[in-house]
Each structure stands twice: as C-alpha cells, then as structure tokens.
Amino acid sequence: MAKVIVYSKTWCPFCVRAKALLTQKSVDFEEINIGAEPEKRDEMIKLSGQHTVPQIFINEHHVGGCDELLAAEAQGELDRLLNT
C-alpha cells in the first residue's frame, strides 16, 4: 500500500474533507498537524511550494490540496496513485 502523508490543521474544513475521503477509501495515512507542530510548516512549504493546508503526498508524489485530491478521485487517478 502507498505511503500517504497529509499536512493539515485541526480546524481546517478542507483538511477534514480530504482525510474523510482517505478514511472512506480505507487508506492509512500519516497526519502532520502543522498547528500542533509549527516547525513542520517550513518542511511542508519546502516539499510542496504551497503555504495552505492540506498538502497531500502519496509515495512522495505531491498530489496537492483537497481540490486536487477530490479531482484525482473523480478521474480515477487516486486509485492508481494509491496502488503504485
């Protein structure tokens, strides 16, 4: 199974939605809460080039945020990413 990392914040509705989709698909993921671990924010920016959450990585591939994750699911791309 793929290694999935989600950079998020607790109060973020987009983070909640992205994590709900992954949970619905029975995907195990590592959550890095940059609200609780602010030093991880710089790491997220360096890896993604983005300042917003969530930022989602599958096997070190930067998927993007919630909108990109949902689009990948709608296009059938998410399953491919999760199974490589």
Protein backbone atom coordinates (compact mmCIF):
# COMPACT_ATOMS: atom_id res chain seq x y z
CA MET A 1 0.00 0.00 0.00
CA ALA A 2 1.09 3.55 -0.67
CA LYS A 3 2.68 5.83 1.89
CA VAL A 4 0.34 8.79 2.32
CA ILE A 5 1.21 11.94 4.25
CA VAL A 6 -1.27 14.73 4.93
CA TYR A 7 -0.07 18.07 6.28
CA SER A 8 -3.06 19.65 7.99
CA LYS A 9 -4.51 21.79 10.73
CA THR A 10 -7.24 20.62 13.10
CA TRP A 11 -9.75 23.41 12.34
CA CYS A 12 -9.37 23.28 8.54
CA PRO A 13 -12.57 22.08 6.78
CA PHE A 14 -10.62 21.18 3.63
CA CYS A 15 -8.31 19.00 5.73
CA VAL A 16 -11.30 17.29 7.32
CA ARG A 17 -12.80 16.60 3.88
CA ALA A 18 -9.55 15.24 2.43
CA LYS A 19 -8.95 12.99 5.44
CA ALA A 20 -12.56 11.78 5.28
CA LEU A 21 -12.09 10.69 1.67
CA LEU A 22 -8.91 8.81 2.52
CA THR A 23 -10.59 7.19 5.52
CA GLN A 24 -13.63 6.24 3.39
CA LYS A 25 -11.23 4.50 0.99
CA SER A 26 -9.59 2.70 3.96
CA VAL A 27 -6.27 4.41 3.29
CA ASP A 28 -3.82 4.57 6.17
CA PHE A 29 -2.14 7.96 6.27
CA GLU A 30 0.28 9.87 8.43
CA GLU A 31 -1.10 13.21 9.52
CA ILE A 32 1.31 16.02 10.31
CA ASN A 33 -0.60 18.72 12.14
CA ILE A 34 1.29 21.95 11.48
CA GLY A 35 -0.92 23.70 14.04
CA ALA A 36 0.42 21.44 16.79
CA GLU A 37 3.90 21.19 15.25
CA PRO A 38 4.57 24.64 13.72
CA GLU A 39 8.16 23.69 12.86
CA LYS A 40 6.71 21.24 10.31
CA ARG A 41 5.16 24.13 8.36
CA ASP A 42 8.52 25.05 6.82
CA GLU A 43 9.02 21.40 5.87
CA MET A 44 5.62 21.37 4.15
CA ILE A 45 6.38 24.57 2.22
CA LYS A 46 9.77 23.25 1.13
CA LEU A 47 8.27 19.99 -0.12
CA SER A 48 5.13 21.39 -1.75
CA GLY A 49 5.90 25.01 -2.56
CA GLN A 50 2.50 25.81 -1.03
CA HIS A 51 1.51 27.66 2.13
CA THR A 52 -2.03 26.30 2.54
CA VAL A 53 -3.33 23.08 4.06
CA PRO A 54 -3.95 20.34 3.39
CA GLN A 55 -0.94 19.29 1.38
CA ILE A 56 -1.11 15.63 0.42
CA PHE A 57 1.68 13.34 -0.70
CA ILE A 58 1.34 9.79 -1.99
CA ASN A 59 4.63 7.90 -2.24
CA GLU A 60 6.48 11.24 -2.21
CA HIS A 61 4.33 12.46 -5.16
CA HIS A 62 2.77 15.83 -4.31
CA VAL A 63 -0.94 15.45 -5.07
CA GLY A 64 -1.79 18.95 -3.87
CA GLY A 65 -4.65 20.05 -1.65
CA CYS A 66 -8.21 18.91 -1.09
CA ASP A 67 -9.47 20.03 -4.50
CA GLU A 68 -6.71 18.14 -6.30
CA LEU A 69 -7.33 15.02 -4.19
CA LEU A 70 -11.06 15.12 -4.97
CA ALA A 71 -10.33 15.68 -8.67
CA ALA A 72 -7.94 12.71 -8.69
CA GLU A 73 -10.69 10.58 -7.14
CA ALA A 74 -13.28 11.76 -9.70
CA GLN A 75 -10.91 10.94 -12.57
CA GLY A 76 -9.95 7.51 -11.19
CA GLU A 77 -6.36 8.71 -10.75
CA LEU A 78 -6.37 8.39 -6.96
CA ASP A 79 -6.71 4.62 -7.02
CA ARG A 80 -3.81 4.38 -9.47
CA LEU A 81 -1.62 6.54 -7.23
CA LEU A 82 -2.55 4.51 -4.17
CA ASN A 83 -1.74 1.21 -5.89
CA THR A 84 1.69 2.08 -7.26
